[in-house]
Amino acid sequence: MRIRLRPAHDDESLSRIYATPHDHTLWLDHKLRVAVTVAFARALNGHVPVAADLSCGDGAILNGIDADVRHLGDLAPGYPIQGPIEQTIHQIPDVDLYVCSETIEHLDDPDTVLKLI
């Protein structure tokens, strides 16, 4: 059984929250999580041919790793792939590394997204 840990936002709230890409440097805890995620991805994978992050915020994680191709997307505007991850995940090809940071806890059906990944 899964219990949603964070409340779902309505469409109006989402458009307000994601009016612009998220700047991770505004919060110390986010800066730390991004730094740890980048270090982990580098240690685990080294060079990655194709990587994706469809909830990328300011793109800091993918931009911090060695990847030939980066598929960046977010709910906020400003990226080639824009919209809810449940929809945009169908727009990318197979990847070697998929980053899903600060995301799963916001999804109504994380299992479906994880299976697609």
Protein backbone atom coordinates (compact mmCIF):
# COMPACT_ATOMS: atom_id res chain seq x y z
CA MET A 1 0.00 0.00 0.00
CA ARG A 2 1.22 3.48 -0.86
CA ILE A 3 0.34 6.57 1.10
CA ARG A 4 0.77 9.93 -0.60
CA LEU A 5 3.21 11.95 1.49
CA ARG A 6 2.66 15.30 -0.15
CA PRO A 7 -0.69 16.80 -1.11
CA ALA A 8 -1.53 17.12 -4.79
CA HIS A 9 -1.64 20.62 -6.24
CA ASP A 10 -4.54 21.80 -8.37
CA ASP A 11 -3.89 23.17 -11.88
CA GLU A 12 -3.94 26.80 -10.69
CA SER A 13 -1.35 26.11 -8.00
CA LEU A 14 0.84 24.18 -10.43
CA SER A 15 0.82 27.01 -12.97
CA ARG A 16 1.83 29.46 -10.22
CA ILE A 17 4.53 27.20 -8.71
CA TYR A 18 6.00 26.30 -12.09
CA ALA A 19 5.69 29.66 -13.84
CA THR A 20 9.48 29.63 -14.26
CA PRO A 21 12.11 26.89 -13.94
CA HIS A 22 13.08 26.11 -10.37
CA ASP A 23 16.35 27.63 -9.15
CA HIS A 24 17.89 25.04 -6.82
CA THR A 25 20.42 27.54 -5.43
CA LEU A 26 17.74 29.37 -3.44
CA TRP A 27 17.61 26.68 -0.74
CA LEU A 28 20.55 25.07 1.04
CA ASP A 29 18.85 21.67 1.22
CA HIS A 30 18.26 21.70 -2.54
CA LYS A 31 21.87 22.70 -3.22
CA LEU A 32 23.03 19.80 -1.08
CA ARG A 33 20.71 17.29 -2.77
CA VAL A 34 21.77 18.42 -6.23
CA ALA A 35 25.46 18.18 -5.29
CA VAL A 36 25.04 14.69 -3.82
CA THR A 37 23.01 13.49 -6.82
CA VAL A 38 25.60 14.80 -9.28
CA ALA A 39 28.44 13.19 -7.30
CA PHE A 40 26.56 9.89 -7.13
CA ALA A 41 25.76 9.91 -10.86
CA ARG A 42 29.39 10.68 -11.72
CA ALA A 43 30.70 7.93 -9.43
CA LEU A 44 28.17 5.38 -10.64
CA ASN A 45 28.27 6.05 -14.34
CA GLY A 46 31.20 8.26 -15.31
CA HIS A 47 30.38 9.06 -18.93
CA VAL A 48 26.74 8.62 -19.98
CA PRO A 49 25.77 8.52 -23.67
CA VAL A 50 22.12 9.60 -23.18
CA ALA A 51 20.55 11.06 -20.03
CA ALA A 52 17.11 12.47 -19.23
CA ASP A 53 15.49 14.51 -16.49
CA LEU A 54 11.88 15.52 -17.11
CA SER A 55 11.52 17.33 -13.80
CA CYS A 56 14.84 19.11 -14.17
CA GLY A 57 14.13 22.48 -12.55
CA ASP A 58 17.16 24.50 -13.58
CA GLY A 59 18.87 21.49 -15.16
CA ALA A 60 21.74 21.50 -12.66
CA ILE A 61 21.90 17.72 -12.20
CA LEU A 62 22.15 16.75 -15.87
CA ASN A 63 24.38 19.71 -16.62
CA GLY A 64 26.70 18.50 -13.85
CA ILE A 65 27.35 15.10 -15.39
CA ASP A 66 29.24 13.95 -18.47
CA ALA A 67 26.57 13.11 -21.05
CA ASP A 68 26.60 13.26 -24.85
CA VAL A 69 22.84 13.87 -25.10
CA ARG A 70 20.64 15.45 -22.44
CA HIS A 71 16.85 15.39 -22.58
CA LEU A 72 15.73 18.21 -20.28
CA GLY A 73 12.10 18.80 -19.47
CA ASP A 74 9.94 20.21 -16.73
CA LEU A 75 6.44 21.33 -15.90
CA ALA A 76 7.79 24.89 -16.08
CA PRO A 77 8.29 26.52 -19.49
CA GLY A 78 11.69 27.00 -21.06
CA TYR A 79 12.66 23.48 -22.07
CA PRO A 80 12.11 21.53 -25.30
CA ILE A 81 9.98 19.05 -23.36
CA GLN A 82 7.31 20.67 -21.19
CA GLY A 83 4.44 19.21 -19.22
CA PRO A 84 3.59 16.61 -16.62
CA ILE A 85 6.13 13.81 -16.42
CA GLU A 86 3.36 11.24 -16.85
CA GLN A 87 2.90 12.60 -20.39
CA THR A 88 6.36 13.81 -21.36
CA ILE A 89 8.06 10.53 -20.53
CA HIS A 90 6.57 9.17 -23.76
CA GLN A 91 8.45 11.84 -25.77
CA ILE A 92 11.98 10.60 -25.06
CA PRO A 93 13.88 7.62 -26.42
CA ASP A 94 15.59 5.01 -24.29
CA VAL A 95 18.25 6.55 -22.07
CA ASP A 96 21.26 5.29 -20.15
CA LEU A 97 20.61 7.45 -17.07
CA TYR A 98 17.29 8.83 -15.90
CA VAL A 99 17.26 11.44 -13.13
CA CYS A 100 14.06 11.76 -11.15
CA SER A 101 14.95 14.03 -8.22
CA GLU A 102 12.35 15.85 -6.13
CA THR A 103 9.62 14.22 -8.22
CA ILE A 104 8.28 10.83 -7.15
CA GLU A 105 6.70 12.14 -3.96
CA HIS A 106 4.52 14.49 -6.03
CA LEU A 107 3.05 11.88 -8.36
CA ASP A 108 -0.38 10.29 -8.01
CA ASP A 109 0.88 7.06 -9.58
CA PRO A 110 4.65 6.78 -9.13
CA ASP A 111 4.65 3.07 -10.06
CA THR A 112 3.52 3.79 -13.61
CA VAL A 113 6.22 6.43 -14.11
CA LEU A 114 8.88 4.17 -12.62
CA LYS A 115 7.83 1.31 -14.91
CA LEU A 116 8.12 3.63 -17.92
CA ILE A 117 11.57 4.71 -16.83
